């Protein structure tokens, strides 16, 4: 079974569970936050009201609170 053969609902559940795990990890030990992770979380963010995006915003916030150097990274929206 590949990623593309999984039903979309299953992928969302897995993604949200993974984000929950990452959030708990960062809460327990903020030293895991590094600048190298930040672009990955930003690229996954789609600016929707989905549970996954809301959890990504929490993760980004926790990274900033843990002292990860986020200067130079920002969200840019492109109007089509």
Protein backbone atom coordinates (compact mmCIF):
# COMPACT_ATOMS: atom_id res chain seq x y z
CA UNK A 1 0.00 0.00 0.00
CA UNK A 2 1.35 3.40 -0.95
CA UNK A 3 0.55 6.89 0.26
CA UNK A 4 -1.49 7.56 -2.88
CA UNK A 5 -3.69 4.50 -2.36
CA UNK A 6 -4.77 5.56 1.14
CA UNK A 7 -8.19 7.21 1.40
CA UNK A 8 -7.93 10.98 1.93
CA UNK A 9 -9.70 10.75 5.29
CA UNK A 10 -7.12 8.26 6.53
CA UNK A 11 -4.26 10.53 5.47
CA UNK A 12 -5.80 13.44 7.40
CA UNK A 13 -6.17 11.33 10.54
CA UNK A 14 -2.55 10.17 10.30
CA UNK A 15 -1.31 13.72 9.70
CA UNK A 16 -3.24 15.09 12.67
CA UNK A 17 -1.97 12.29 14.92
CA UNK A 18 1.61 13.00 13.82
CA UNK A 19 1.16 16.71 14.53
CA UNK A 20 -0.28 15.88 17.97
CA UNK A 21 2.80 13.79 18.67
CA UNK A 22 5.16 16.56 17.51
CA UNK A 23 3.34 19.14 19.64
CA UNK A 24 3.63 16.94 22.73
CA UNK A 25 7.32 16.34 22.01
CA UNK A 26 8.01 20.07 21.76
CA UNK A 27 6.03 20.74 24.95
CA UNK A 28 8.03 18.09 26.81
CA UNK A 29 11.44 19.13 25.47
CA UNK A 30 11.79 22.43 23.65
CA UNK A 31 15.42 21.68 22.85
CA UNK A 32 14.24 19.53 19.91
CA UNK A 33 13.25 22.72 18.06
CA UNK A 34 15.79 23.75 15.47
CA UNK A 35 15.82 26.37 12.76
CA UNK A 36 16.11 23.62 10.13
CA UNK A 37 12.60 22.33 10.90
CA UNK A 38 10.84 25.66 10.53
CA UNK A 39 10.73 25.79 6.68
CA UNK A 40 9.24 22.31 6.64
CA UNK A 41 6.38 23.34 8.92
CA UNK A 42 5.82 26.54 6.93
CA UNK A 43 5.72 24.65 3.63
CA UNK A 44 3.11 22.25 5.03
CA UNK A 45 0.86 25.13 6.14
CA UNK A 46 -1.96 25.80 3.65
CA UNK A 47 -3.71 28.73 5.39
CA UNK A 48 -6.99 26.88 5.78
CA UNK A 49 -9.16 26.32 8.83
CA UNK A 50 -8.39 22.59 8.81
CA UNK A 51 -7.42 20.83 12.03
CA UNK A 52 -4.00 20.08 10.54
CA UNK A 53 -3.32 23.77 9.79
CA UNK A 54 -4.46 24.80 13.24
CA UNK A 55 -2.08 22.26 14.76
CA UNK A 56 0.73 23.48 12.50
CA UNK A 57 0.18 27.01 13.81
CA UNK A 58 0.42 25.69 17.36
CA UNK A 59 3.66 23.92 16.45
CA UNK A 60 5.08 27.08 14.87
CA UNK A 61 4.12 29.06 17.96
CA UNK A 62 5.76 26.50 20.25
CA UNK A 63 8.96 26.66 18.19
CA UNK A 64 9.08 30.42 18.63
CA UNK A 65 8.39 30.09 22.37
CA UNK A 66 11.16 27.49 22.68
CA UNK A 67 13.62 30.02 21.28
CA UNK A 68 14.12 28.60 17.79
CA UNK A 69 15.59 31.31 15.58
CA UNK A 70 12.77 32.01 13.14
CA UNK A 71 14.07 35.35 11.89
CA UNK A 72 14.09 35.34 8.12
CA UNK A 73 11.10 33.03 7.78
CA UNK A 74 7.64 34.35 7.12
CA UNK A 75 4.40 33.39 5.48
CA UNK A 76 3.87 34.99 2.10
CA UNK A 77 0.49 34.91 0.41
CA UNK A 78 0.23 35.20 -3.32
CA UNK A 79 -2.96 36.62 -4.82
CA UNK A 80 -3.88 35.10 -8.14
